[in-house]
Amino acid sequence: MTTQTAAVIGLGSMGYGVASSLLRAGHTVHGFDINPDSMARFVSDGGAEGAMADVAGNCDVVISVVINAAQTETVLFGDDGIVPHLKPGTVVMSCATVAPDFAREMEAKCHEAGCLYLDAPISGGPQRSAKGELSVLASGTPDAFDKARPCLDAMASQVYELGGEAGPGSAMKAINQMLVGINLAGMAEALTFGMTQGVSPEKFAEIIPQCAGTSWVLENRVPHVVAGDYTPLSAVDIWPKDLGICLDVAHSAKFGAPVTAAALQQWLAAQGSGLGREDDAALVKVYARNAGLDLPGKS
C-alpha cells in the first residue's frame, strides 16, 4: 500500500475521524484546528507535529474539513493559507458543503498555484467518519483522483467519481443535504404531531421504523429524542447554512424549491431559539414548545 503525508485542516467531529482513519492506514498525518486542545489530542493519538507552514511542503494531500466556503477559502488562500506553501502536484481535497460555483473557483485557484483539486464533500456522520466508512461525493481531474486515492481509500467506504472537474461533487452534496434537512424537519413534525394524538416518542420509535414512513434520518435521530440527549453529533447550526446553499443554487437555476424553503424556516426558528449548538434532533423542541408538549428528559 502506498503511504502518504497528509494534512487534515479542521479536527471537528468529522475531521478528527478522517485524520484518525488516515493514521490507522499508516499515513503520516498532521492535524490542524483553531482549537489547540484538538491538535494536542491528535498528536497524543499519533499525529505528526509541526507548524502548517513548515510541514506543508512535504504534504502529498491536504484535506480541508471545515464548515463553510468562507473557512475553506481562508485555510487555503488566506493570510496563513496552506496552498502557497504546497509543492507542485499536491492534491487539495475540499470536504465542506459549498456551492458548485465556489468549488470551481477554488479549483481554478489551486490549478494556478500548481496544485490538484478534488471537490470532495463527505457524507455519513461522525461515527462513519471515525470508522473510515464515509461516502465521498467527488469530482476532479483523473490526476487528482489518482494522487488522492490512498487517502480516499483510508477515509471512505464509497467514493463516487462524478466528473472530471469541480462542481458536480458539490451539486450532489447539495441534493443530499436538501433531502436530509427536509427529512429531519419531517421527523420532528411527525413525532410531535404523534404526541398530540397520545403517541409517545418511545412508541413512535418502535413502530414507525417498521412502516413505509421511515427513513435513515428518522431511525438515526429519534433515539436522541427518546433519550432526551441533544449532545451535538450534527448540530442545528449546520442546516440554515446548508439549506441556504441549496436555495441559492436553486435560485440560480430558476428552480422553485418550496418544501426546502418551508423546512429552512423551521431550522431558522430553532437557531433563533438558541438551539444552534445542540444536536439537530433538537428541532423537535421548536414543535414541542409551540404545541405545549413535554419531551423526554430535559427539553
Protein backbone atom coordinates (compact mmCIF):
# COMPACT_ATOMS: atom_id res chain seq x y z
CA MET A 1 0.00 0.00 0.00
CA THR A 2 1.20 3.50 -0.82
CA THR A 3 1.57 5.67 2.27
CA GLN A 4 1.41 9.43 2.06
CA THR A 5 1.94 12.55 4.11
CA ALA A 6 -1.32 14.38 4.66
CA ALA A 7 -2.55 17.49 6.41
CA VAL A 8 -6.11 17.50 7.74
CA ILE A 9 -7.39 21.00 8.45
CA GLY A 10 -10.37 21.00 10.79
CA LEU A 11 -10.43 18.49 13.63
CA GLY A 12 -14.10 18.66 14.49
CA SER A 13 -16.34 15.61 14.71
CA MET A 14 -15.90 14.79 11.03
CA GLY A 15 -12.32 15.94 10.50
CA TYR A 16 -11.00 14.12 13.54
CA GLY A 17 -12.47 10.89 12.21
CA VAL A 18 -10.88 11.49 8.81
CA ALA A 19 -7.48 12.20 10.36
CA SER A 20 -7.72 9.16 12.64
CA SER A 21 -8.68 6.90 9.74
CA LEU A 22 -5.63 8.05 7.79
CA LEU A 23 -3.42 7.32 10.80
CA ARG A 24 -4.79 3.78 11.11
CA ALA A 25 -3.97 3.20 7.45
CA GLY A 26 -0.32 4.06 8.07
CA HIS A 27 -0.17 7.56 6.63
CA THR A 28 1.79 10.38 8.24
CA VAL A 29 -0.87 12.86 9.27
CA HIS A 30 -0.62 16.45 10.52
CA GLY A 31 -3.82 17.76 12.11
CA PHE A 32 -4.67 21.46 12.35
CA ASP A 33 -7.53 23.24 14.08
CA ILE A 34 -8.28 26.58 15.71
CA ASN A 35 -8.74 24.63 18.95
CA PRO A 36 -5.28 23.80 20.32
CA ASP A 37 -6.75 21.08 22.54
CA SER A 38 -7.95 19.19 19.47
CA MET A 39 -4.49 19.42 17.94
CA ALA A 40 -2.82 18.24 21.14
CA ARG A 41 -5.24 15.33 21.41
CA PHE A 42 -4.48 14.30 17.85
CA VAL A 43 -0.73 14.38 18.45
CA SER A 44 -1.25 12.23 21.55
CA ASP A 45 -3.12 9.77 19.32
CA GLY A 46 -0.15 9.51 16.98
CA GLY A 47 -0.49 12.54 14.74
CA ALA A 48 2.65 14.21 13.43
CA GLU A 49 3.77 17.52 14.90
CA GLY A 50 4.83 20.71 13.13
CA ALA A 51 3.54 24.14 12.15
CA MET A 52 1.48 24.28 8.98
CA ALA A 53 3.92 26.48 7.05
CA ASP A 54 6.80 24.17 7.98
CA VAL A 55 5.19 20.86 7.02
CA ALA A 56 3.07 21.93 4.02
CA GLY A 57 5.90 21.43 1.54
CA ASN A 58 6.14 17.76 2.50
CA CYS A 59 2.45 17.00 2.04
CA ASP A 60 1.09 14.85 -0.74
CA VAL A 61 -2.54 15.54 0.19
CA VAL A 62 -4.30 18.36 2.04
CA ILE A 63 -7.81 17.63 3.28
CA SER A 64 -9.92 20.60 4.33
CA VAL A 65 -12.78 19.58 6.64
CA VAL A 66 -14.03 22.98 7.76
CA ILE A 67 -17.58 24.28 7.99
CA ASN A 68 -18.28 26.51 5.02
CA ALA A 69 -16.99 28.33 1.95
CA ALA A 70 -15.53 31.26 3.88
CA GLN A 71 -13.49 28.98 6.11
CA THR A 72 -12.41 26.90 3.11
CA GLU A 73 -11.06 29.94 1.30
CA THR A 74 -9.33 31.17 4.46
CA VAL A 75 -7.50 27.91 5.19
CA LEU A 76 -6.47 27.52 1.57
CA PHE A 77 -5.69 31.08 0.46
CA GLY A 78 -5.99 33.40 3.46
CA ASP A 79 -3.13 35.23 5.15
CA ASP A 80 -1.98 31.97 6.74
CA GLY A 81 -3.39 29.73 3.99
CA ILE A 82 -1.67 26.49 3.13
CA VAL A 83 -1.76 26.46 -0.68
CA PRO A 84 1.14 28.91 -1.25
CA HIS A 85 3.36 26.57 0.77
CA LEU A 86 2.50 23.38 -1.12
CA LYS A 87 4.78 21.68 -3.62
CA PRO A 88 3.54 21.35 -7.21
CA GLY A 89 1.24 18.39 -7.71
CA THR A 90 -0.10 18.30 -4.16
CA VAL A 91 -3.81 17.49 -4.18
CA VAL A 92 -6.21 19.62 -2.17
CA MET A 93 -9.43 17.87 -1.12
CA SER A 94 -12.20 20.23 -0.06
CA CYS A 95 -14.88 18.44 2.00
CA ALA A 96 -17.15 21.28 3.11
CA THR A 97 -20.65 21.74 1.76
CA VAL A 98 -20.34 24.66 -0.68
CA ALA A 99 -21.98 25.93 -3.84
CA PRO A 100 -20.73 24.33 -7.10
CA ASP A 101 -19.57 27.72 -8.41
CA PHE A 102 -17.39 28.18 -5.33
CA ALA A 103 -15.86 24.73 -5.86
CA ARG A 104 -15.00 25.66 -9.44
CA GLU A 105 -13.41 28.89 -8.22
CA MET A 106 -11.24 27.03 -5.71
CA GLU A 107 -10.20 24.52 -8.36
CA ALA A 108 -9.08 27.32 -10.67
CA LYS A 109 -7.05 28.99 -7.93
CA CYS A 110 -5.40 25.70 -6.94
CA HIS A 111 -4.51 24.97 -10.55
CA GLU A 112 -2.96 28.43 -10.86
CA ALA A 113 -0.81 27.56 -7.84
CA GLY A 114 0.30 24.29 -9.45
CA CYS A 115 -1.85 22.08 -7.23
CA LEU A 116 -4.52 19.50 -8.00
CA TYR A 117 -8.02 19.85 -6.55
CA LEU A 118 -10.82 17.49 -5.61
CA ASP A 119 -14.30 18.82 -4.99
CA ALA A 120 -14.97 16.16 -2.35
CA PRO A 121 -17.88 16.72 0.03
CA ILE A 122 -18.35 13.94 2.56
CA SER A 123 -21.44 12.26 3.99
CA GLY A 124 -22.04 9.68 6.69
CA GLY A 125 -21.73 11.44 10.03
CA PRO A 126 -19.13 11.31 12.80
CA GLN A 127 -19.49 7.59 13.54
CA ARG A 128 -18.78 6.53 9.97
CA SER A 129 -16.01 9.11 9.76
CA ALA A 130 -14.31 7.56 12.78
CA LYS A 131 -14.51 4.13 11.15
CA GLY A 132 -13.15 5.28 7.77
CA GLU A 133 -16.51 4.49 6.16
CA LEU A 134 -17.58 7.84 4.71
CA SER A 135 -19.18 8.39 1.35
CA VAL A 136 -17.19 10.89 -0.71
CA LEU A 137 -19.07 12.71 -3.47
CA ALA A 138 -16.11 13.74 -5.57
CA SER A 139 -15.29 15.42 -8.84
CA GLY A 140 -11.96 16.48 -10.27
CA THR A 141 -9.33 15.54 -12.80
CA PRO A 142 -8.11 11.94 -13.14
CA ASP A 143 -4.70 13.07 -11.85
CA ALA A 144 -6.32 14.46 -8.70
CA PHE A 145 -8.18 11.20 -8.07
CA ASP A 146 -5.03 9.15 -8.66
CA LYS A 147 -2.96 11.26 -6.26
CA ALA A 148 -5.63 11.21 -3.56
CA ARG A 149 -6.52 7.52 -3.89
CA PRO A 150 -4.55 6.17 -0.89
CA CYS A 151 -6.16 8.72 1.42
CA LEU A 152 -9.59 8.25 -0.13
CA ASP A 153 -9.32 4.51 0.45
CA ALA A 154 -8.46 5.11 4.11
CA MET A 155 -11.29 7.53 4.90
CA ALA A 156 -14.16 6.19 2.79
CA SER A 157 -16.04 3.03 2.01
CA GLN A 158 -17.61 4.64 -1.06
CA VAL A 159 -16.00 7.13 -3.41
CA TYR A 160 -18.31 8.38 -6.14
CA GLU A 161 -16.43 9.84 -9.10
CA LEU A 162 -18.85 12.37 -10.54
CA GLY A 163 -16.89 14.17 -13.23
CA GLY A 164 -13.60 15.50 -14.47
CA GLU A 165 -13.82 18.96 -12.93
CA ALA A 166 -15.05 20.59 -9.74
CA GLY A 167 -18.76 21.31 -9.33
CA PRO A 168 -20.64 18.01 -9.65
CA GLY A 169 -19.41 16.81 -6.24
CA SER A 170 -20.81 19.89 -4.53
CA ALA A 171 -24.02 19.66 -6.55
CA MET A 172 -24.57 16.10 -5.36
CA LYS A 173 -23.90 17.12 -1.77
CA ALA A 174 -26.50 19.89 -2.08
CA ILE A 175 -29.03 17.31 -3.27
CA ASN A 176 -28.23 15.10 -0.29
CA GLN A 177 -28.40 17.96 2.20
CA MET A 178 -31.73 19.10 0.76
CA LEU A 179 -33.16 15.65 1.43
CA VAL A 180 -31.64 15.29 4.89
CA GLY A 181 -32.73 18.75 6.03
CA ILE A 182 -36.28 18.13 4.83
CA ASN A 183 -36.35 14.63 6.35
CA LEU A 184 -35.21 15.93 9.72
CA ALA A 185 -37.93 18.56 9.72
CA GLY A 186 -40.46 15.92 8.71
CA MET A 187 -39.31 13.65 11.52
CA ALA A 188 -39.65 16.44 14.09
CA GLU A 189 -43.09 17.39 12.83
CA ALA A 190 -44.41 13.83 12.69
CA LEU A 191 -43.04 12.84 16.09
CA THR A 192 -44.55 15.84 17.87
CA PHE A 193 -47.81 15.54 15.91
CA GLY A 194 -47.96 11.99 17.21
CA MET A 195 -47.58 13.27 20.75
CA THR A 196 -50.71 15.40 20.31
CA GLN A 197 -52.53 12.16 19.48
CA GLY A 198 -51.25 10.28 22.51
CA VAL A 199 -48.37 8.51 20.71
CA SER A 200 -45.25 8.71 22.85
CA PRO A 201 -41.81 9.21 21.30
CA GLU A 202 -40.95 5.71 22.55
CA LYS A 203 -43.89 4.16 20.72
CA PHE A 204 -43.12 6.25 17.63
CA ALA A 205 -39.53 4.91 17.73
CA GLU A 206 -40.81 1.35 17.99
CA ILE A 207 -43.39 1.39 15.20
CA ILE A 208 -42.54 3.95 12.51
CA PRO A 209 -39.18 2.34 11.59
CA GLN A 210 -41.21 -0.73 10.57
CA CYS A 211 -43.53 1.32 8.36
CA ALA A 212 -43.28 3.00 4.97
CA GLY A 213 -42.80 6.43 6.52
CA THR A 214 -39.37 5.61 7.91
CA SER A 215 -36.02 6.94 6.73
CA TRP A 216 -32.38 6.61 7.75
CA VAL A 217 -32.58 10.07 9.28
CA LEU A 218 -35.63 9.17 11.35
CA GLU A 219 -34.11 5.92 12.60
CA ASN A 220 -30.85 7.66 13.48
CA ARG A 221 -32.22 10.74 15.24
CA VAL A 222 -35.40 9.61 17.03
CA PRO A 223 -33.33 7.70 19.65
CA HIS A 224 -31.74 11.05 20.58
CA VAL A 225 -35.20 12.44 21.31
CA VAL A 226 -36.29 9.37 23.27
CA ALA A 227 -33.13 9.62 25.38
CA GLY A 228 -33.50 13.37 25.81
CA ASP A 229 -29.86 13.63 24.72
CA TYR A 230 -29.03 16.51 22.39
CA THR A 231 -25.26 16.25 22.58
CA PRO A 232 -24.28 17.65 19.17
CA LEU A 233 -23.23 14.96 16.72
CA SER A 234 -24.61 17.05 13.86
CA ALA A 235 -25.61 20.50 15.06
CA VAL A 236 -28.72 22.56 14.28
CA ASP A 237 -26.41 25.35 13.03
CA ILE A 238 -25.46 23.26 10.00
CA TRP A 239 -28.90 23.32 8.47
CA PRO A 240 -29.64 27.03 7.93
CA LYS A 241 -26.29 27.17 6.13
CA ASP A 242 -26.73 24.06 4.02
CA LEU A 243 -30.37 24.60 3.08
CA GLY A 244 -29.48 28.22 2.34
CA ILE A 245 -26.88 26.93 -0.14
CA CYS A 246 -29.49 24.64 -1.67
CA LEU A 247 -31.89 27.52 -2.18
CA ASP A 248 -29.16 29.78 -3.59
CA VAL A 249 -28.26 27.10 -6.14
CA ALA A 250 -31.95 26.53 -6.92
CA HIS A 251 -32.46 30.26 -7.44
CA SER A 252 -29.51 30.42 -9.83
CA ALA A 253 -31.09 27.54 -11.77
CA LYS A 254 -34.51 29.28 -11.75
CA PHE A 255 -35.86 26.26 -9.87
CA GLY A 256 -38.56 26.55 -7.24
CA ALA A 257 -37.94 24.57 -4.04
CA PRO A 258 -40.90 25.36 -1.77
CA VAL A 259 -40.52 22.32 0.51
CA THR A 260 -36.89 23.19 1.17
CA ALA A 261 -37.87 26.80 1.86
CA ALA A 262 -40.50 25.69 4.39
CA ALA A 263 -38.03 23.40 6.15
CA LEU A 264 -35.46 26.19 6.29
CA GLN A 265 -37.90 28.37 8.25
CA GLN A 266 -38.10 25.73 10.97
CA TRP A 267 -34.32 25.47 11.14
CA LEU A 268 -34.06 29.24 11.43
CA ALA A 269 -36.60 29.15 14.24
CA ALA A 270 -34.50 26.55 16.05
CA GLN A 271 -31.37 28.60 15.58
CA GLY A 272 -33.15 31.75 16.74
CA SER A 273 -34.34 29.90 19.84
CA GLY A 274 -30.78 29.29 20.95
CA LEU A 275 -30.62 25.66 19.84
CA GLY A 276 -27.85 26.14 17.27
CA ARG A 277 -25.16 24.20 19.13
CA GLU A 278 -27.44 21.30 20.05
CA ASP A 279 -27.85 18.12 18.04
CA ASP A 280 -30.09 18.62 15.03
CA ALA A 281 -32.68 16.31 16.59
CA ALA A 282 -33.38 19.31 18.83
CA LEU A 283 -35.58 20.69 16.05
CA VAL A 284 -38.36 18.78 17.84
CA LYS A 285 -38.10 21.37 20.63
CA VAL A 286 -39.48 24.06 18.34
CA TYR A 287 -42.58 22.00 17.61
CA ALA A 288 -42.94 20.88 21.22
CA ARG A 289 -42.71 24.42 22.54
CA ASN A 290 -45.29 25.70 20.08
CA ALA A 291 -47.68 22.87 20.95
CA GLY A 292 -47.08 22.95 24.70
CA LEU A 293 -45.65 19.42 24.74
CA ASP A 294 -43.16 17.93 27.19
CA LEU A 295 -40.38 15.93 25.56
CA PRO A 296 -38.45 13.15 27.29
CA GLY A 297 -35.63 14.33 29.51
CA LYS A 298 -34.72 17.99 29.70
CA SER A 299 -36.33 19.97 26.88
